[in-house]
Amino acid sequence: MTKRKGAISEETKDSIISAATDEFYELGYEKASLRHICGRAGVTTGAVYCFFDSKEDLLSNVMVPIFNVVSSISVDYEKILNDDYTAFDDFQKFFSANRKLYHILYNNMSNPVISEYIGSMSDEFGRQLIEIVRMALPENAGLPKEFDEYTVRCLAHVMVYSIIKIIAEECNDEIVTNRLITTIKVYKNGILSLLK
């Protein structure tokens, strides 16, 4: 099938993504059907295939905002090291506006698309973790042996799962923010204790 994206509006694409978001949120990826998504969006399956190769490709596009947030929101590590957590204000606004996406992420972690993105998010958190450690070390000090690639990846992976779980399981933004800050403090203080 030849794709003619110009023949169908971006508004149609957004409508399909919105319908798919609701379908994946309510039923999960496995039970969601393209036919139901088309019905919700008021389009034909041809319109869906004009933009997306498959249901998996549609899921990937639904999740784009959440996968981009880690790299798009700048974190001031210096503030975190000084117990100033206002660095997370932008993140709080994002998760508040995109709570459905966190539910989809949390409830479909075994899906290959989501699993791959969680791996990417863990890699990014791992890089951020190393940056925080480097900032906390004296100038020109090397990383301690405890921070080998495997350990950093494991810590980052647990951190990503913790964040997703906290956001997906609680609706109150203030509670979520407080739990996220507590989690960050535990990680930060645990890591800094290894540097002493």
N, C-alpha and C. Protein backbone atom coordinates (compact mmCIF):
# COMPACT_ATOMS: atom_id res chain seq x y z
N MET A 1 0.84 -1.18 0.00
CA MET A 1 0.00 0.00 0.00
C MET A 1 0.89 1.24 0.00
N THR A 2 0.63 2.14 -0.90
CA THR A 2 1.38 3.38 -0.97
C THR A 2 0.82 4.36 0.05
N LYS A 3 1.70 4.93 0.83
CA LYS A 3 1.27 5.89 1.85
C LYS A 3 1.23 7.28 1.24
N ARG A 4 0.11 7.97 1.44
CA ARG A 4 -0.04 9.33 0.97
C ARG A 4 -0.36 10.21 2.16
N LYS A 5 0.65 10.47 2.99
CA LYS A 5 0.43 11.22 4.22
C LYS A 5 -0.11 12.62 3.96
N GLY A 6 0.25 13.21 2.85
CA GLY A 6 -0.23 14.55 2.55
C GLY A 6 -1.73 14.57 2.27
N ALA A 7 -2.30 13.41 1.88
CA ALA A 7 -3.71 13.35 1.53
C ALA A 7 -4.60 13.35 2.77
N ILE A 8 -4.05 13.05 3.90
CA ILE A 8 -4.82 13.02 5.14
C ILE A 8 -4.15 13.98 6.11
N SER A 9 -4.95 14.75 6.82
CA SER A 9 -4.41 15.83 7.65
C SER A 9 -3.69 15.33 8.90
N GLU A 10 -2.85 16.20 9.42
CA GLU A 10 -2.18 15.93 10.70
C GLU A 10 -3.23 15.84 11.81
N GLU A 11 -4.33 16.54 11.62
CA GLU A 11 -5.43 16.48 12.60
C GLU A 11 -5.97 15.05 12.68
N THR A 12 -6.06 14.38 11.55
CA THR A 12 -6.50 12.98 11.52
C THR A 12 -5.50 12.10 12.26
N LYS A 13 -4.23 12.35 12.02
CA LYS A 13 -3.18 11.59 12.71
C LYS A 13 -3.28 11.79 14.22
N ASP A 14 -3.46 13.03 14.64
CA ASP A 14 -3.60 13.32 16.08
C ASP A 14 -4.83 12.64 16.66
N SER A 15 -5.90 12.61 15.89
CA SER A 15 -7.14 11.96 16.33
C SER A 15 -6.92 10.46 16.52
N ILE A 16 -6.17 9.86 15.62
CA ILE A 16 -5.87 8.42 15.73
C ILE A 16 -5.00 8.16 16.96
N ILE A 17 -4.00 9.00 17.17
CA ILE A 17 -3.13 8.83 18.34
C ILE A 17 -3.93 9.01 19.63
N SER A 18 -4.81 9.97 19.66
CA SER A 18 -5.65 10.19 20.84
C SER A 18 -6.56 8.98 21.10
N ALA A 19 -7.18 8.47 20.04
CA ALA A 19 -8.05 7.29 20.18
C ALA A 19 -7.24 6.07 20.64
N ALA A 20 -6.06 5.91 20.08
CA ALA A 20 -5.20 4.78 20.46
C ALA A 20 -4.76 4.92 21.92
N THR A 21 -4.46 6.13 22.34
CA THR A 21 -4.08 6.36 23.74
C THR A 21 -5.19 5.89 24.67
N ASP A 22 -6.42 6.28 24.36
CA ASP A 22 -7.56 5.86 25.18
C ASP A 22 -7.74 4.35 25.15
N GLU A 23 -7.62 3.75 23.98
CA GLU A 23 -7.79 2.30 23.83
C GLU A 23 -6.70 1.54 24.60
N PHE A 24 -5.44 1.94 24.44
CA PHE A 24 -4.35 1.27 25.16
C PHE A 24 -4.48 1.48 26.66
N TYR A 25 -4.92 2.65 27.07
CA TYR A 25 -5.10 2.96 28.49
C TYR A 25 -6.20 2.09 29.10
N GLU A 26 -7.33 1.98 28.41
CA GLU A 26 -8.47 1.25 28.95
C GLU A 26 -8.34 -0.26 28.84
N LEU A 27 -7.77 -0.76 27.74
CA LEU A 27 -7.75 -2.20 27.50
C LEU A 27 -6.37 -2.84 27.56
N GLY A 28 -5.33 -2.03 27.53
CA GLY A 28 -3.98 -2.59 27.41
C GLY A 28 -3.67 -2.84 25.95
N TYR A 29 -2.39 -2.99 25.66
CA TYR A 29 -1.96 -3.14 24.27
C TYR A 29 -2.51 -4.41 23.64
N GLU A 30 -2.43 -5.53 24.34
CA GLU A 30 -2.82 -6.82 23.77
C GLU A 30 -4.29 -6.86 23.40
N LYS A 31 -5.15 -6.31 24.23
CA LYS A 31 -6.60 -6.36 23.97
C LYS A 31 -7.08 -5.24 23.06
N ALA A 32 -6.28 -4.22 22.87
CA ALA A 32 -6.68 -3.12 21.99
C ALA A 32 -6.76 -3.60 20.55
N SER A 33 -7.72 -3.07 19.81
CA SER A 33 -7.84 -3.46 18.41
C SER A 33 -7.83 -2.23 17.51
N LEU A 34 -7.23 -2.38 16.36
CA LEU A 34 -7.18 -1.28 15.40
C LEU A 34 -8.59 -0.90 14.95
N ARG A 35 -9.48 -1.89 14.86
CA ARG A 35 -10.85 -1.62 14.46
C ARG A 35 -11.53 -0.68 15.45
N HIS A 36 -11.35 -0.96 16.76
CA HIS A 36 -11.93 -0.10 17.79
C HIS A 36 -11.28 1.28 17.79
N ILE A 37 -9.98 1.32 17.58
CA ILE A 37 -9.27 2.60 17.52
C ILE A 37 -9.81 3.44 16.37
N CYS A 38 -10.02 2.81 15.21
CA CYS A 38 -10.58 3.52 14.06
C CYS A 38 -11.97 4.05 14.39
N GLY A 39 -12.79 3.23 15.05
CA GLY A 39 -14.13 3.66 15.44
C GLY A 39 -14.09 4.87 16.36
N ARG A 40 -13.19 4.83 17.33
CA ARG A 40 -13.05 5.97 18.26
C ARG A 40 -12.63 7.24 17.53
N ALA A 41 -11.72 7.07 16.57
CA ALA A 41 -11.19 8.23 15.85
C ALA A 41 -12.10 8.67 14.71
N GLY A 42 -13.06 7.81 14.35
CA GLY A 42 -13.95 8.14 13.23
C GLY A 42 -13.25 8.10 11.89
N VAL A 43 -12.32 7.12 11.75
CA VAL A 43 -11.58 6.98 10.50
C VAL A 43 -11.61 5.53 10.03
N THR A 44 -11.17 5.31 8.82
CA THR A 44 -11.06 3.95 8.29
C THR A 44 -9.69 3.37 8.64
N THR A 45 -9.56 2.06 8.49
CA THR A 45 -8.25 1.44 8.74
C THR A 45 -7.23 1.95 7.73
N GLY A 46 -7.69 2.33 6.54
CA GLY A 46 -6.78 2.90 5.55
C GLY A 46 -6.11 4.17 6.06
N ALA A 47 -6.87 4.98 6.79
CA ALA A 47 -6.30 6.20 7.36
C ALA A 47 -5.23 5.87 8.38
N VAL A 48 -5.49 4.83 9.18
CA VAL A 48 -4.50 4.41 10.18
C VAL A 48 -3.21 3.97 9.47
N TYR A 49 -3.37 3.14 8.43
CA TYR A 49 -2.19 2.63 7.74
C TYR A 49 -1.51 3.70 6.88
N CYS A 50 -2.17 4.80 6.67
CA CYS A 50 -1.52 5.91 5.98
C CYS A 50 -0.39 6.49 6.84
N PHE A 51 -0.58 6.43 8.15
CA PHE A 51 0.41 7.00 9.08
C PHE A 51 1.24 5.95 9.82
N PHE A 52 0.67 4.78 10.08
CA PHE A 52 1.33 3.80 10.95
C PHE A 52 1.41 2.44 10.26
N ASP A 53 2.54 1.77 10.42
CA ASP A 53 2.75 0.48 9.77
C ASP A 53 1.99 -0.65 10.45
N SER A 54 1.75 -0.51 11.75
CA SER A 54 1.15 -1.60 12.52
C SER A 54 0.64 -1.07 13.85
N LYS A 55 0.00 -1.93 14.61
CA LYS A 55 -0.44 -1.54 15.95
C LYS A 55 0.77 -1.23 16.83
N GLU A 56 1.84 -1.96 16.63
CA GLU A 56 3.07 -1.71 17.39
C GLU A 56 3.66 -0.33 17.05
N ASP A 57 3.63 0.02 15.78
CA ASP A 57 4.11 1.35 15.35
C ASP A 57 3.22 2.44 15.95
N LEU A 58 1.92 2.18 16.01
CA LEU A 58 0.99 3.13 16.61
C LEU A 58 1.31 3.31 18.09
N LEU A 59 1.57 2.21 18.81
CA LEU A 59 1.95 2.29 20.22
C LEU A 59 3.21 3.13 20.38
N SER A 60 4.18 2.90 19.53
CA SER A 60 5.42 3.66 19.59
C SER A 60 5.15 5.16 19.43
N ASN A 61 4.27 5.52 18.52
CA ASN A 61 3.93 6.93 18.31
C ASN A 61 3.13 7.51 19.46
N VAL A 62 2.27 6.71 20.07
CA VAL A 62 1.52 7.16 21.25
C VAL A 62 2.48 7.52 22.37
N MET A 63 3.55 6.74 22.50
CA MET A 63 4.47 6.90 23.62
C MET A 63 5.57 7.93 23.38
N VAL A 64 5.64 8.51 22.19
CA VAL A 64 6.71 9.46 21.86
C VAL A 64 6.89 10.55 22.93
N PRO A 65 5.83 11.20 23.41
CA PRO A 65 6.06 12.27 24.40
C PRO A 65 6.77 11.79 25.66
N ILE A 66 6.39 10.63 26.14
CA ILE A 66 7.00 10.15 27.38
C ILE A 66 8.44 9.72 27.16
N PHE A 67 8.75 9.22 25.98
CA PHE A 67 10.11 8.79 25.70
C PHE A 67 11.03 9.98 25.43
N ASN A 68 10.46 11.08 25.00
CA ASN A 68 11.26 12.28 24.75
C ASN A 68 11.51 13.11 26.00
N VAL A 69 10.69 12.93 27.02
CA VAL A 69 10.76 13.83 28.18
C VAL A 69 12.09 13.72 28.93
N VAL A 70 12.64 12.53 29.01
CA VAL A 70 13.88 12.35 29.77
C VAL A 70 14.99 13.20 29.20
N SER A 71 15.10 13.25 27.90
CA SER A 71 16.17 14.02 27.29
C SER A 71 15.81 15.50 27.09
N SER A 72 14.51 15.82 27.08
CA SER A 72 14.13 17.20 26.79
C SER A 72 14.09 18.09 28.02
N ILE A 73 13.87 17.52 29.20
CA ILE A 73 13.81 18.33 30.41
C ILE A 73 15.21 18.37 31.02
N SER A 74 15.77 19.56 31.10
CA SER A 74 17.11 19.66 31.65
C SER A 74 17.06 19.63 33.17
N VAL A 75 17.94 18.85 33.74
CA VAL A 75 18.01 18.70 35.19
C VAL A 75 19.27 19.41 35.68
N ASP A 76 19.09 20.27 36.65
CA ASP A 76 20.21 20.99 37.24
C ASP A 76 20.76 20.13 38.39
N TYR A 77 21.82 19.37 38.10
CA TYR A 77 22.37 18.43 39.08
C TYR A 77 22.91 19.15 40.31
N GLU A 78 23.42 20.34 40.09
CA GLU A 78 23.95 21.13 41.21
C GLU A 78 22.83 21.38 42.23
N LYS A 79 21.65 21.71 41.73
CA LYS A 79 20.51 21.94 42.63
C LYS A 79 20.17 20.67 43.41
N ILE A 80 20.15 19.55 42.72
CA ILE A 80 19.81 18.28 43.38
C ILE A 80 20.83 17.97 44.47
N LEU A 81 22.10 18.19 44.17
CA LEU A 81 23.14 17.94 45.18
C LEU A 81 22.97 18.84 46.39
N ASN A 82 22.33 20.00 46.19
CA ASN A 82 22.10 20.93 47.30
C ASN A 82 20.66 20.85 47.83
N ASP A 83 20.02 19.72 47.59
CA ASP A 83 18.65 19.46 48.06
C ASP A 83 17.62 20.48 47.58
N ASP A 84 17.83 21.03 46.40
CA ASP A 84 16.85 21.91 45.77
C ASP A 84 16.20 21.10 44.65
N TYR A 85 14.95 20.73 44.86
CA TYR A 85 14.28 19.84 43.91
C TYR A 85 13.33 20.58 42.97
N THR A 86 13.50 21.89 42.86
CA THR A 86 12.69 22.65 41.90
C THR A 86 13.06 22.26 40.47
N ALA A 87 14.17 21.57 40.32
CA ALA A 87 14.58 21.08 39.01
C ALA A 87 13.52 20.15 38.42
N PHE A 88 12.65 19.60 39.25
CA PHE A 88 11.64 18.65 38.80
C PHE A 88 10.30 19.31 38.50
N ASP A 89 10.23 20.64 38.59
CA ASP A 89 8.96 21.33 38.34
C ASP A 89 8.44 21.07 36.92
N ASP A 90 9.32 21.14 35.93
CA ASP A 90 8.90 20.88 34.55
C ASP A 90 8.43 19.44 34.38
N PHE A 91 9.15 18.52 35.02
CA PHE A 91 8.77 17.11 34.96
C PHE A 91 7.40 16.91 35.59
N GLN A 92 7.14 17.58 36.71
CA GLN A 92 5.84 17.46 37.38
C GLN A 92 4.72 17.92 36.45
N LYS A 93 4.93 19.01 35.75
CA LYS A 93 3.92 19.50 34.80
C LYS A 93 3.68 18.47 33.70
N PHE A 94 4.76 17.84 33.25
CA PHE A 94 4.63 16.85 32.19
C PHE A 94 3.85 15.64 32.65
N PHE A 95 4.23 15.03 33.78
CA PHE A 95 3.52 13.81 34.18
C PHE A 95 2.07 14.10 34.55
N SER A 96 1.81 15.29 35.06
CA SER A 96 0.44 15.67 35.38
C SER A 96 -0.42 15.71 34.12
N ALA A 97 0.14 16.21 33.04
CA ALA A 97 -0.59 16.32 31.78
C ALA A 97 -0.63 15.02 30.98
N ASN A 98 0.21 14.05 31.33
CA ASN A 98 0.34 12.83 30.53
C ASN A 98 0.20 11.56 31.36
N ARG A 99 -0.64 11.59 32.35
CA ARG A 99 -0.78 10.45 33.26
C ARG A 99 -1.18 9.15 32.55
N LYS A 100 -2.05 9.25 31.54
CA LYS A 100 -2.47 8.05 30.81
C LYS A 100 -1.27 7.33 30.21
N LEU A 101 -0.31 8.11 29.72
CA LEU A 101 0.86 7.49 29.10
C LEU A 101 1.65 6.67 30.10
N TYR A 102 1.74 7.15 31.35
CA TYR A 102 2.44 6.39 32.38
C TYR A 102 1.72 5.10 32.72
N HIS A 103 0.39 5.14 32.69
CA HIS A 103 -0.38 3.91 32.92
C HIS A 103 -0.12 2.90 31.80
N ILE A 104 -0.13 3.40 30.56
CA ILE A 104 0.14 2.52 29.43
C ILE A 104 1.54 1.92 29.56
N LEU A 105 2.50 2.74 29.88
CA LEU A 105 3.87 2.29 30.06
C LEU A 105 3.96 1.22 31.15
N TYR A 106 3.38 1.52 32.30
CA TYR A 106 3.44 0.63 33.46
C TYR A 106 2.74 -0.71 33.21
N ASN A 107 1.60 -0.66 32.53
CA ASN A 107 0.81 -1.88 32.33
C ASN A 107 1.22 -2.69 31.11
N ASN A 108 2.19 -2.22 30.36
CA ASN A 108 2.62 -2.94 29.15
C ASN A 108 4.13 -3.08 29.07
N MET A 109 4.79 -3.20 30.22
CA MET A 109 6.26 -3.23 30.25
C MET A 109 6.88 -4.40 29.51
N SER A 110 6.13 -5.48 29.34
CA SER A 110 6.70 -6.63 28.63
C SER A 110 6.62 -6.46 27.11
N ASN A 111 5.89 -5.45 26.64
CA ASN A 111 5.81 -5.21 25.21
C ASN A 111 7.20 -4.81 24.69
N PRO A 112 7.63 -5.38 23.58
CA PRO A 112 8.98 -5.06 23.06
C PRO A 112 9.23 -3.57 22.81
N VAL A 113 8.24 -2.85 22.31
CA VAL A 113 8.41 -1.41 22.06
C VAL A 113 8.67 -0.69 23.37
N ILE A 114 7.85 -0.97 24.37
CA ILE A 114 8.00 -0.30 25.65
C ILE A 114 9.26 -0.75 26.36
N SER A 115 9.55 -2.03 26.29
CA SER A 115 10.77 -2.56 26.91
C SER A 115 12.01 -1.89 26.33
N GLU A 116 12.03 -1.68 25.02
CA GLU A 116 13.16 -1.02 24.37
C GLU A 116 13.30 0.42 24.86
N TYR A 117 12.18 1.12 24.98
CA TYR A 117 12.22 2.50 25.43
C TYR A 117 12.61 2.60 26.91
N ILE A 118 12.16 1.65 27.71
CA ILE A 118 12.57 1.65 29.12
C ILE A 118 14.08 1.46 29.20
N GLY A 119 14.61 0.61 28.33
CA GLY A 119 16.06 0.45 28.27
C GLY A 119 16.75 1.75 27.90
N SER A 120 16.18 2.49 26.94
CA SER A 120 16.75 3.79 26.54
C SER A 120 16.67 4.79 27.69
N MET A 121 15.54 4.80 28.39
CA MET A 121 15.39 5.70 29.53
C MET A 121 16.39 5.34 30.62
N SER A 122 16.59 4.05 30.84
CA SER A 122 17.57 3.61 31.85
C SER A 122 18.97 4.05 31.47
N ASP A 123 19.29 3.96 30.18
CA ASP A 123 20.61 4.42 29.71
C ASP A 123 20.78 5.91 30.00
N GLU A 124 19.72 6.70 29.73
CA GLU A 124 19.79 8.14 29.98
C GLU A 124 19.94 8.43 31.47
N PHE A 125 19.17 7.74 32.30
CA PHE A 125 19.31 7.92 33.75
C PHE A 125 20.70 7.49 34.22
N GLY A 126 21.25 6.45 33.61
CA GLY A 126 22.61 6.03 33.95
C GLY A 126 23.62 7.12 33.67
N ARG A 127 23.47 7.79 32.52
CA ARG A 127 24.36 8.91 32.18
C ARG A 127 24.20 10.04 33.20
N GLN A 128 22.94 10.30 33.59
CA GLN A 128 22.68 11.35 34.57
C GLN A 128 23.27 10.97 35.93
N LEU A 129 23.18 9.71 36.28
CA LEU A 129 23.73 9.23 37.54
C LEU A 129 25.24 9.44 37.59
N ILE A 130 25.92 9.10 36.51
CA ILE A 130 27.38 9.30 36.43
C ILE A 130 27.70 10.78 36.54
N GLU A 131 26.89 11.64 35.91
CA GLU A 131 27.12 13.08 35.97
C GLU A 131 27.01 13.59 37.41
N ILE A 132 26.01 13.12 38.13
CA ILE A 132 25.85 13.52 39.54
C ILE A 132 27.05 13.06 40.37
N VAL A 133 27.50 11.84 40.15
CA VAL A 133 28.66 11.32 40.89
C VAL A 133 29.89 12.16 40.58
N ARG A 134 30.09 12.48 39.31
CA ARG A 134 31.27 13.28 38.93
C ARG A 134 31.23 14.66 39.57
N MET A 135 30.05 15.26 39.65
CA MET A 135 29.92 16.58 40.26
C MET A 135 30.20 16.53 41.76
N ALA A 136 29.88 15.39 42.38
CA ALA A 136 30.07 15.26 43.83
C ALA A 136 31.51 14.92 44.20
N LEU A 137 32.28 14.43 43.23
CA LEU A 137 33.67 14.05 43.50
C LEU A 137 34.58 15.27 43.49
N PRO A 138 35.69 15.19 44.20
CA PRO A 138 36.70 16.26 44.09
C PRO A 138 37.19 16.35 42.64
N GLU A 139 37.66 17.52 42.28
CA GLU A 139 38.13 17.74 40.91
C GLU A 139 39.21 16.73 40.54
N ASN A 140 39.14 16.23 39.32
CA ASN A 140 40.10 15.27 38.74
C ASN A 140 40.07 13.90 39.42
N ALA A 141 39.11 13.63 40.28
CA ALA A 141 39.00 12.30 40.88
C ALA A 141 38.29 11.37 39.90
N GLY A 142 38.75 10.16 39.83
CA GLY A 142 38.11 9.17 38.96
C GLY A 142 36.88 8.58 39.64
N LEU A 143 36.05 7.93 38.85
CA LEU A 143 34.87 7.27 39.41
C LEU A 143 35.30 6.12 40.31
N PRO A 144 34.64 5.96 41.47
CA PRO A 144 34.97 4.82 42.33
C PRO A 144 34.65 3.51 41.62
N LYS A 145 35.34 2.45 42.02
CA LYS A 145 35.15 1.15 41.36
C LYS A 145 33.73 0.62 41.51
N GLU A 146 32.99 1.10 42.53
CA GLU A 146 31.60 0.66 42.72
C GLU A 146 30.71 1.07 41.55
N PHE A 147 31.15 2.06 40.79
CA PHE A 147 30.31 2.57 39.71
C PHE A 147 30.72 2.00 38.36
N ASP A 148 30.79 0.68 38.31
CA ASP A 148 31.05 0.05 37.02
C ASP A 148 29.77 0.10 36.18
N GLU A 149 29.89 -0.22 34.92
CA GLU A 149 28.77 -0.10 33.98
C GLU A 149 27.56 -0.90 34.43
N TYR A 150 27.78 -2.11 34.92
CA TYR A 150 26.68 -2.97 35.35
C TYR A 150 25.90 -2.36 36.52
N THR A 151 26.62 -1.90 37.53
CA THR A 151 25.97 -1.33 38.72
C THR A 151 25.19 -0.07 38.36
N VAL A 152 25.78 0.79 37.56
CA VAL A 152 25.10 2.02 37.16
C VAL A 152 23.83 1.68 36.38
N ARG A 153 23.93 0.73 35.47
CA ARG A 153 22.74 0.33 34.68
C ARG A 153 21.65 -0.23 35.60
N CYS A 154 22.01 -1.06 36.56
CA CYS A 154 21.02 -1.61 37.50
C CYS A 154 20.36 -0.51 38.32
N LEU A 155 21.16 0.39 38.87
CA LEU A 155 20.60 1.50 39.66
C LEU A 155 19.66 2.35 38.81
N ALA A 156 20.07 2.64 37.59
CA ALA A 156 19.25 3.47 36.70
C ALA A 156 17.95 2.75 36.35
N HIS A 157 18.04 1.45 36.12
CA HIS A 157 16.86 0.66 35.77
C HIS A 157 15.84 0.67 36.92
N VAL A 158 16.32 0.47 38.13
CA VAL A 158 15.43 0.50 39.30
C VAL A 158 14.82 1.89 39.45
N MET A 159 15.61 2.91 39.21
CA MET A 159 15.12 4.29 39.30
C MET A 159 14.00 4.54 38.30
N VAL A 160 14.17 4.10 37.06
CA VAL A 160 13.15 4.28 36.03
C VAL A 160 11.86 3.56 36.44
N TYR A 161 11.98 2.31 36.87
CA TYR A 161 10.80 1.56 37.29
C TYR A 161 10.11 2.23 38.47
N SER A 162 10.89 2.74 39.40
CA SER A 162 10.32 3.43 40.57
C SER A 162 9.52 4.65 40.13
N ILE A 163 10.08 5.44 39.26
CA ILE A 163 9.40 6.66 38.79
C ILE A 163 8.10 6.30 38.06
N ILE A 164 8.17 5.34 37.17
CA ILE A 164 6.98 4.93 36.42
C ILE A 164 5.90 4.42 37.38
N LYS A 165 6.28 3.59 38.32
CA LYS A 165 5.31 3.03 39.27
C LYS A 165 4.67 4.11 40.13
N ILE A 166 5.46 5.02 40.65
CA ILE A 166 4.93 6.11 41.49
C ILE A 166 3.92 6.94 40.71
N ILE A 167 4.24 7.31 39.49
CA ILE A 167 3.35 8.15 38.70
C ILE A 167 2.10 7.40 38.27
N ALA A 168 2.26 6.12 37.89
CA ALA A 168 1.13 5.34 37.38
C ALA A 168 0.12 4.98 38.47
N GLU A 169 0.57 4.84 39.71
CA GLU A 169 -0.31 4.33 40.75
C GLU A 169 -0.94 5.40 41.63
N GLU A 170 -0.61 6.66 41.41
CA GLU A 170 -1.17 7.73 42.26
C GLU A 170 -1.68 8.86 41.37
N CYS A 171 -2.86 9.37 41.69
CA CYS A 171 -3.47 10.44 40.88
C CYS A 171 -3.19 11.84 41.43
N ASN A 172 -2.86 11.94 42.70
CA ASN A 172 -2.65 13.25 43.31
C ASN A 172 -1.24 13.74 42.99
N ASP A 173 -1.16 14.86 42.26
CA ASP A 173 0.14 15.38 41.82
C ASP A 173 1.08 15.70 42.97
N GLU A 174 0.54 16.26 44.04
CA GLU A 174 1.38 16.62 45.19
C GLU A 174 1.99 15.38 45.83
N ILE A 175 1.19 14.33 45.97
CA ILE A 175 1.70 13.07 46.54
C ILE A 175 2.76 12.48 45.62
N VAL A 176 2.49 12.48 44.32
CA VAL A 176 3.46 11.95 43.36
C VAL A 176 4.77 12.72 43.46
N THR A 177 4.69 14.04 43.46
CA THR A 177 5.90 14.86 43.53
C THR A 177 6.68 14.57 44.81
N ASN A 178 5.99 14.49 45.94
CA ASN A 178 6.67 14.19 47.21
C ASN A 178 7.33 12.81 47.19
N ARG A 179 6.64 11.83 46.61
CA ARG A 179 7.23 10.49 46.52
C ARG A 179 8.43 10.46 45.59
N LEU A 180 8.35 11.20 44.48
CA LEU A 180 9.49 11.26 43.56
C LEU A 180 10.69 11.92 44.23
N ILE A 181 10.46 13.00 44.95
CA ILE A 181 11.55 13.69 45.64
C ILE A 181 12.17 12.78 46.69
N THR A 182 11.31 12.05 47.44
CA THR A 182 11.83 11.10 48.43
C THR A 182 12.69 10.04 47.76
N THR A 183 12.22 9.53 46.65
CA THR A 183 12.98 8.50 45.91
C THR A 183 14.32 9.04 45.44
N ILE A 184 14.31 10.25 44.89
CA ILE A 184 15.55 10.88 44.42
C ILE A 184 16.51 11.09 45.59
N LYS A 185 15.98 11.53 46.73
CA LYS A 185 16.84 11.75 47.92
C LYS A 185 17.49 10.44 48.36
N VAL A 186 16.71 9.37 48.38
CA VAL A 186 17.25 8.07 48.80
C VAL A 186 18.38 7.64 47.87
N TYR A 187 18.14 7.76 46.56
CA TYR A 187 19.18 7.40 45.60
C TYR A 187 20.40 8.29 45.75
N LYS A 188 20.15 9.61 45.79
CA LYS A 188 21.26 10.56 45.89
C LYS A 188 22.10 10.30 47.14
N ASN A 189 21.44 10.20 48.28
CA ASN A 189 22.16 10.03 49.55
C ASN A 189 22.87 8.67 49.61
N GLY A 190 22.24 7.64 49.05
CA GLY A 190 22.89 6.33 49.01
C GLY A 190 24.15 6.36 48.15
N ILE A 191 24.04 7.02 47.01
CA ILE A 191 25.19 7.12 46.11
C ILE A 191 26.30 7.96 46.73
N LEU A 192 25.91 9.08 47.33
CA LEU A 192 26.93 9.95 47.95
C LEU A 192 27.62 9.26 49.11
N SER A 193 26.90 8.37 49.81
CA SER A 193 27.53 7.66 50.92
C SER A 193 28.66 6.75 50.44
N LEU A 194 28.57 6.29 49.20
CA LEU A 194 29.65 5.46 48.64
C LEU A 194 30.89 6.27 48.29
N LEU A 195 30.74 7.58 48.20
CA LEU A 195 31.86 8.43 47.81
C LEU A 195 32.68 8.88 49.00
N LYS A 196 32.24 8.55 50.21
CA LYS A 196 32.96 9.00 51.40
C LYS A 196 34.06 8.04 51.77
